[in-house]
Amino acid sequence: MISELGRVILTTDMPNYGLENGDIGTVVLVHEGGKGYEVEFVTLSGETFAIVSLFAEQVRSTSTREIAHARIISS
């Protein structure tokens, strides 16, 4: 199970929030034993970009065999 302060990867685009599949976030709250999560997405400078409630199916755990990728966000 994904725990609070764990890093997760978004598995779907969320254009209403400016988020894309593959964006990395931090779980700030676990809902109902892992049925959902409150996830914070931040810029590389540490500024909060979005905090979103997500179903468990919309995120996955990170793997040790992955590398981060940066992209420019729209304002």
N, C-alpha and C. Protein backbone atom coordinates (compact mmCIF):
# COMPACT_ATOMS: atom_id res chain seq x y z
N MET A 1 0.84 -1.19 0.00
CA MET A 1 0.00 0.00 0.00
C MET A 1 0.88 1.25 0.00
N ILE A 2 0.41 2.25 -0.65
CA ILE A 2 1.09 3.54 -0.67
C ILE A 2 0.78 4.27 0.63
N SER A 3 1.82 4.85 1.25
CA SER A 3 1.62 5.51 2.54
C SER A 3 1.79 7.02 2.42
N GLU A 4 1.39 7.72 3.47
CA GLU A 4 1.54 9.17 3.50
C GLU A 4 3.01 9.53 3.34
N LEU A 5 3.28 10.57 2.60
CA LEU A 5 4.60 11.09 2.25
C LEU A 5 5.33 10.21 1.24
N GLY A 6 4.64 9.18 0.73
CA GLY A 6 5.21 8.36 -0.33
C GLY A 6 5.08 9.06 -1.66
N ARG A 7 6.02 8.82 -2.53
CA ARG A 7 5.96 9.39 -3.89
C ARG A 7 5.14 8.47 -4.78
N VAL A 8 4.35 9.09 -5.62
CA VAL A 8 3.52 8.33 -6.56
C VAL A 8 3.63 8.96 -7.95
N ILE A 9 3.25 8.18 -8.95
CA ILE A 9 3.27 8.63 -10.33
C ILE A 9 1.85 8.61 -10.87
N LEU A 10 1.44 9.70 -11.44
CA LEU A 10 0.11 9.82 -12.03
C LEU A 10 0.02 8.92 -13.25
N THR A 11 -1.08 8.18 -13.38
CA THR A 11 -1.23 7.24 -14.49
C THR A 11 -2.23 7.70 -15.54
N THR A 12 -2.69 8.92 -15.41
CA THR A 12 -3.66 9.47 -16.36
C THR A 12 -3.45 10.97 -16.50
N ASP A 13 -3.82 11.53 -17.62
CA ASP A 13 -3.78 12.98 -17.79
C ASP A 13 -4.92 13.61 -17.00
N MET A 14 -4.67 14.78 -16.43
CA MET A 14 -5.69 15.54 -15.73
C MET A 14 -5.59 17.00 -16.20
N PRO A 15 -6.08 17.26 -17.42
CA PRO A 15 -5.92 18.59 -18.00
C PRO A 15 -6.53 19.72 -17.17
N ASN A 16 -7.57 19.45 -16.42
CA ASN A 16 -8.19 20.49 -15.59
C ASN A 16 -7.24 21.02 -14.53
N TYR A 17 -6.23 20.21 -14.17
CA TYR A 17 -5.24 20.59 -13.16
C TYR A 17 -3.87 20.87 -13.78
N GLY A 18 -3.74 20.73 -15.10
CA GLY A 18 -2.46 20.92 -15.75
C GLY A 18 -1.50 19.77 -15.53
N LEU A 19 -2.03 18.60 -15.15
CA LEU A 19 -1.19 17.44 -14.85
C LEU A 19 -1.23 16.44 -15.99
N GLU A 20 -0.12 15.72 -16.15
CA GLU A 20 -0.01 14.72 -17.22
C GLU A 20 0.42 13.37 -16.65
N ASN A 21 0.05 12.33 -17.38
CA ASN A 21 0.50 10.98 -17.06
C ASN A 21 2.01 11.01 -16.87
N GLY A 22 2.49 10.46 -15.77
CA GLY A 22 3.92 10.43 -15.49
C GLY A 22 4.39 11.48 -14.50
N ASP A 23 3.54 12.49 -14.20
CA ASP A 23 3.92 13.49 -13.21
C ASP A 23 4.07 12.83 -11.84
N ILE A 24 5.04 13.31 -11.07
CA ILE A 24 5.36 12.72 -9.77
C ILE A 24 4.79 13.62 -8.66
N GLY A 25 4.12 13.00 -7.70
CA GLY A 25 3.54 13.73 -6.59
C GLY A 25 3.84 13.05 -5.27
N THR A 26 3.47 13.71 -4.19
CA THR A 26 3.66 13.18 -2.84
C THR A 26 2.30 13.03 -2.18
N VAL A 27 2.06 11.87 -1.61
CA VAL A 27 0.81 11.60 -0.92
C VAL A 27 0.80 12.38 0.39
N VAL A 28 -0.22 13.20 0.59
CA VAL A 28 -0.34 13.95 1.84
C VAL A 28 -1.46 13.41 2.72
N LEU A 29 -2.31 12.56 2.16
CA LEU A 29 -3.38 11.94 2.94
C LEU A 29 -3.85 10.67 2.23
N VAL A 30 -4.03 9.61 3.01
CA VAL A 30 -4.55 8.35 2.47
C VAL A 30 -6.02 8.26 2.85
N HIS A 31 -6.89 8.01 1.87
CA HIS A 31 -8.32 7.90 2.10
C HIS A 31 -8.74 6.43 2.19
N GLU A 32 -9.53 6.11 3.19
CA GLU A 32 -10.17 4.80 3.35
C GLU A 32 -9.22 3.63 3.10
N GLY A 33 -8.08 3.65 3.78
CA GLY A 33 -7.16 2.53 3.72
C GLY A 33 -6.53 2.30 2.36
N GLY A 34 -6.45 3.32 1.52
CA GLY A 34 -5.80 3.19 0.23
C GLY A 34 -6.74 3.19 -0.96
N LYS A 35 -8.03 3.47 -0.72
CA LYS A 35 -8.96 3.56 -1.87
C LYS A 35 -8.72 4.83 -2.67
N GLY A 36 -8.10 5.80 -2.03
CA GLY A 36 -7.80 7.06 -2.70
C GLY A 36 -6.73 7.82 -1.95
N TYR A 37 -6.25 8.88 -2.58
CA TYR A 37 -5.14 9.65 -2.01
C TYR A 37 -5.30 11.12 -2.31
N GLU A 38 -4.84 11.95 -1.39
CA GLU A 38 -4.68 13.37 -1.63
C GLU A 38 -3.21 13.53 -2.00
N VAL A 39 -2.94 14.05 -3.19
CA VAL A 39 -1.57 14.10 -3.70
C VAL A 39 -1.19 15.53 -4.04
N GLU A 40 -0.01 15.94 -3.58
CA GLU A 40 0.51 17.26 -3.88
C GLU A 40 1.56 17.14 -4.98
N PHE A 41 1.44 18.00 -5.98
CA PHE A 41 2.40 18.07 -7.08
C PHE A 41 3.10 19.42 -6.97
N VAL A 42 4.42 19.40 -6.98
CA VAL A 42 5.20 20.62 -6.80
C VAL A 42 6.17 20.83 -7.95
N THR A 43 6.55 22.08 -8.16
CA THR A 43 7.58 22.40 -9.16
C THR A 43 8.94 22.03 -8.59
N LEU A 44 9.96 22.05 -9.42
CA LEU A 44 11.30 21.71 -8.95
C LEU A 44 11.84 22.73 -7.95
N SER A 45 11.26 23.92 -7.91
CA SER A 45 11.67 24.93 -6.93
C SER A 45 10.90 24.78 -5.61
N GLY A 46 9.97 23.82 -5.55
CA GLY A 46 9.24 23.55 -4.31
C GLY A 46 7.90 24.23 -4.20
N GLU A 47 7.47 24.93 -5.24
CA GLU A 47 6.17 25.62 -5.22
C GLU A 47 5.05 24.62 -5.51
N THR A 48 4.01 24.64 -4.69
CA THR A 48 2.88 23.76 -4.93
C THR A 48 2.20 24.14 -6.24
N PHE A 49 2.03 23.14 -7.11
CA PHE A 49 1.36 23.36 -8.39
C PHE A 49 -0.10 22.92 -8.31
N ALA A 50 -0.36 21.78 -7.66
CA ALA A 50 -1.73 21.27 -7.52
C ALA A 50 -1.79 20.30 -6.36
N ILE A 51 -2.93 20.29 -5.69
CA ILE A 51 -3.24 19.26 -4.70
C ILE A 51 -4.56 18.64 -5.17
N VAL A 52 -4.52 17.33 -5.42
CA VAL A 52 -5.64 16.67 -6.07
C VAL A 52 -6.03 15.41 -5.32
N SER A 53 -7.34 15.16 -5.19
CA SER A 53 -7.85 13.90 -4.66
C SER A 53 -7.93 12.90 -5.80
N LEU A 54 -7.30 11.75 -5.63
CA LEU A 54 -7.23 10.75 -6.69
C LEU A 54 -7.66 9.38 -6.20
N PHE A 55 -8.26 8.60 -7.10
CA PHE A 55 -8.55 7.21 -6.80
C PHE A 55 -7.26 6.41 -6.90
N ALA A 56 -7.20 5.30 -6.23
CA ALA A 56 -6.00 4.46 -6.24
C ALA A 56 -5.59 4.07 -7.65
N GLU A 57 -6.56 3.92 -8.55
CA GLU A 57 -6.28 3.52 -9.93
C GLU A 57 -5.59 4.63 -10.73
N GLN A 58 -5.57 5.84 -10.20
CA GLN A 58 -5.00 6.97 -10.94
C GLN A 58 -3.53 7.23 -10.62
N VAL A 59 -2.99 6.46 -9.68
CA VAL A 59 -1.59 6.61 -9.31
C VAL A 59 -0.96 5.23 -9.14
N ARG A 60 0.37 5.22 -9.18
CA ARG A 60 1.10 3.99 -8.90
C ARG A 60 2.35 4.35 -8.11
N SER A 61 2.92 3.36 -7.46
CA SER A 61 4.15 3.56 -6.71
C SER A 61 5.32 3.79 -7.66
N THR A 62 6.36 4.40 -7.17
CA THR A 62 7.57 4.56 -7.96
C THR A 62 8.39 3.27 -7.91
N SER A 63 9.30 3.15 -8.84
CA SER A 63 10.18 1.99 -8.92
C SER A 63 11.63 2.45 -8.88
N THR A 64 12.51 1.61 -8.41
CA THR A 64 13.93 1.97 -8.35
C THR A 64 14.56 2.03 -9.74
N ARG A 65 13.90 1.53 -10.76
CA ARG A 65 14.44 1.51 -12.12
C ARG A 65 13.81 2.60 -13.00
N GLU A 66 13.43 3.73 -12.38
CA GLU A 66 12.83 4.83 -13.12
C GLU A 66 13.68 6.08 -12.95
N ILE A 67 13.56 6.99 -13.91
CA ILE A 67 14.27 8.26 -13.85
C ILE A 67 13.24 9.38 -14.04
N ALA A 68 13.42 10.48 -13.31
CA ALA A 68 12.49 11.61 -13.41
C ALA A 68 12.72 12.36 -14.72
N HIS A 69 11.68 13.04 -15.19
CA HIS A 69 11.74 13.82 -16.42
C HIS A 69 11.07 15.16 -16.15
N ALA A 70 11.70 16.25 -16.54
CA ALA A 70 11.14 17.59 -16.30
C ALA A 70 10.39 18.09 -17.52
N ARG A 71 9.38 18.91 -17.28
CA ARG A 71 8.63 19.56 -18.36
C ARG A 71 8.19 20.92 -17.88
N ILE A 72 7.95 21.82 -18.80
CA ILE A 72 7.47 23.17 -18.49
C ILE A 72 5.95 23.09 -18.30
N ILE A 73 5.45 23.73 -17.24
CA ILE A 73 4.01 23.75 -17.00
C ILE A 73 3.42 25.06 -17.50
N SER A 74 2.17 25.00 -17.90
CA SER A 74 1.51 26.23 -18.32
C SER A 74 0.98 26.95 -17.10
N SER A 75 0.85 28.26 -17.17
CA SER A 75 0.38 29.03 -16.00
C SER A 75 -1.09 29.01 -15.85
